[in-house]
Amino acid sequence: MSKIGILHLSDIHISERNSEEVARLLTNLNCDVDLMCQSEKIKIQAICLTGDLINSGSEYIPSFSTFERVFLMPVLNKLNL
């Protein structure tokens, strides 16, 4: 039986002010995902994002653009999704 890989991420809380910190955390996430995929012999096939993606609703447009640029697109590209 083959395994289905689902990456569940929650409460990213990204904003313009913490985008550099989130980018550093993304580096650690990439290492963890690589190790897990190798040790469990799985490929991530889906991402489940829950909780707060951005830090403030009043800064919705710039914060979501930052989330997409700094976090989401690098994760999707890394996983070939």
Protein backbone atom coordinates (compact mmCIF):
# COMPACT_ATOMS: atom_id res chain seq x y z
CA MET A 1 0.00 0.00 0.00
CA SER A 2 1.40 3.41 -0.91
CA LYS A 3 1.40 6.30 1.54
CA ILE A 4 -0.31 9.62 0.88
CA GLY A 5 1.75 12.61 1.98
CA ILE A 6 -0.19 15.58 3.37
CA LEU A 7 1.68 18.54 4.84
CA HIS A 8 -0.45 20.28 7.48
CA LEU A 9 0.62 23.81 8.40
CA SER A 10 -1.23 26.09 10.80
CA ASP A 11 -1.14 29.65 12.05
CA ILE A 12 1.60 31.13 9.87
CA HIS A 13 0.68 34.70 10.94
CA ILE A 14 2.80 36.39 8.28
CA SER A 15 3.04 40.16 7.83
CA GLU A 16 5.46 42.57 6.19
CA ARG A 17 7.17 42.99 9.57
CA ASN A 18 7.95 39.30 10.16
CA SER A 19 8.53 38.11 6.59
CA GLU A 20 12.28 37.64 7.14
CA GLU A 21 11.64 35.45 10.19
CA VAL A 22 9.09 33.39 8.25
CA ALA A 23 11.59 32.97 5.41
CA ARG A 24 14.12 31.58 7.93
CA LEU A 25 11.49 29.21 9.33
CA LEU A 26 10.76 28.08 5.78
CA THR A 27 14.37 26.93 5.45
CA ASN A 28 13.91 24.75 8.55
CA LEU A 29 10.59 23.46 7.24
CA ASN A 30 12.24 22.44 3.96
CA CYS A 31 14.89 20.45 5.85
CA ASP A 32 12.26 18.75 8.02
CA VAL A 33 10.11 17.85 5.02
CA ASP A 34 13.12 16.43 3.15
CA LEU A 35 14.09 14.26 6.13
CA MET A 36 10.53 13.02 6.66
CA CYS A 37 9.99 12.23 3.00
CA GLN A 38 13.26 10.29 2.81
CA SER A 39 12.77 8.36 6.04
CA GLU A 40 9.09 7.54 5.41
CA LYS A 41 9.54 7.09 1.64
CA ILE A 42 6.64 9.38 0.80
CA LYS A 43 5.97 12.29 -1.50
CA ILE A 44 3.89 15.22 -0.29
CA GLN A 45 0.84 15.34 -2.54
CA ALA A 46 -1.27 17.96 -0.75
CA ILE A 47 -0.93 20.85 1.68
CA CYS A 48 -3.55 21.66 4.29
CA LEU A 49 -3.34 25.25 5.57
CA THR A 50 -5.38 26.03 8.68
CA GLY A 51 -5.52 28.82 11.22
CA ASP A 52 -4.42 32.37 10.56
CA LEU A 53 -2.29 32.74 7.43
CA ILE A 54 -1.74 36.47 7.92
CA ASN A 55 -1.25 38.47 11.07
CA SER A 56 -3.88 41.19 10.67
CA GLY A 57 -7.11 41.50 8.73
CA SER A 58 -6.64 45.25 8.48
CA GLU A 59 -3.49 44.63 6.42
CA TYR A 60 -5.11 41.93 4.28
CA ILE A 61 -3.84 42.81 0.79
CA PRO A 62 -0.14 43.44 1.56
CA SER A 63 0.01 40.62 4.12
CA PHE A 64 -1.54 38.04 1.81
CA SER A 65 0.78 39.14 -1.02
CA THR A 66 3.71 38.65 1.37
CA PHE A 67 2.36 35.23 2.42
CA GLU A 68 2.09 34.17 -1.21
CA ARG A 69 5.56 35.48 -2.18
CA VAL A 70 7.57 34.54 0.92
CA PHE A 71 5.87 31.32 1.99
CA LEU A 72 3.27 29.73 -0.26
CA MET A 73 5.00 29.83 -3.64
CA PRO A 74 8.37 28.59 -2.28
CA VAL A 75 6.58 25.67 -0.54
CA LEU A 76 4.59 24.79 -3.66
CA ASN A 77 7.71 25.00 -5.84
CA LYS A 78 9.75 22.90 -3.41
CA LEU A 79 7.10 20.17 -3.44
CA ASN A 80 6.42 20.44 -7.18
CA LEU A 81 2.74 21.18 -6.55
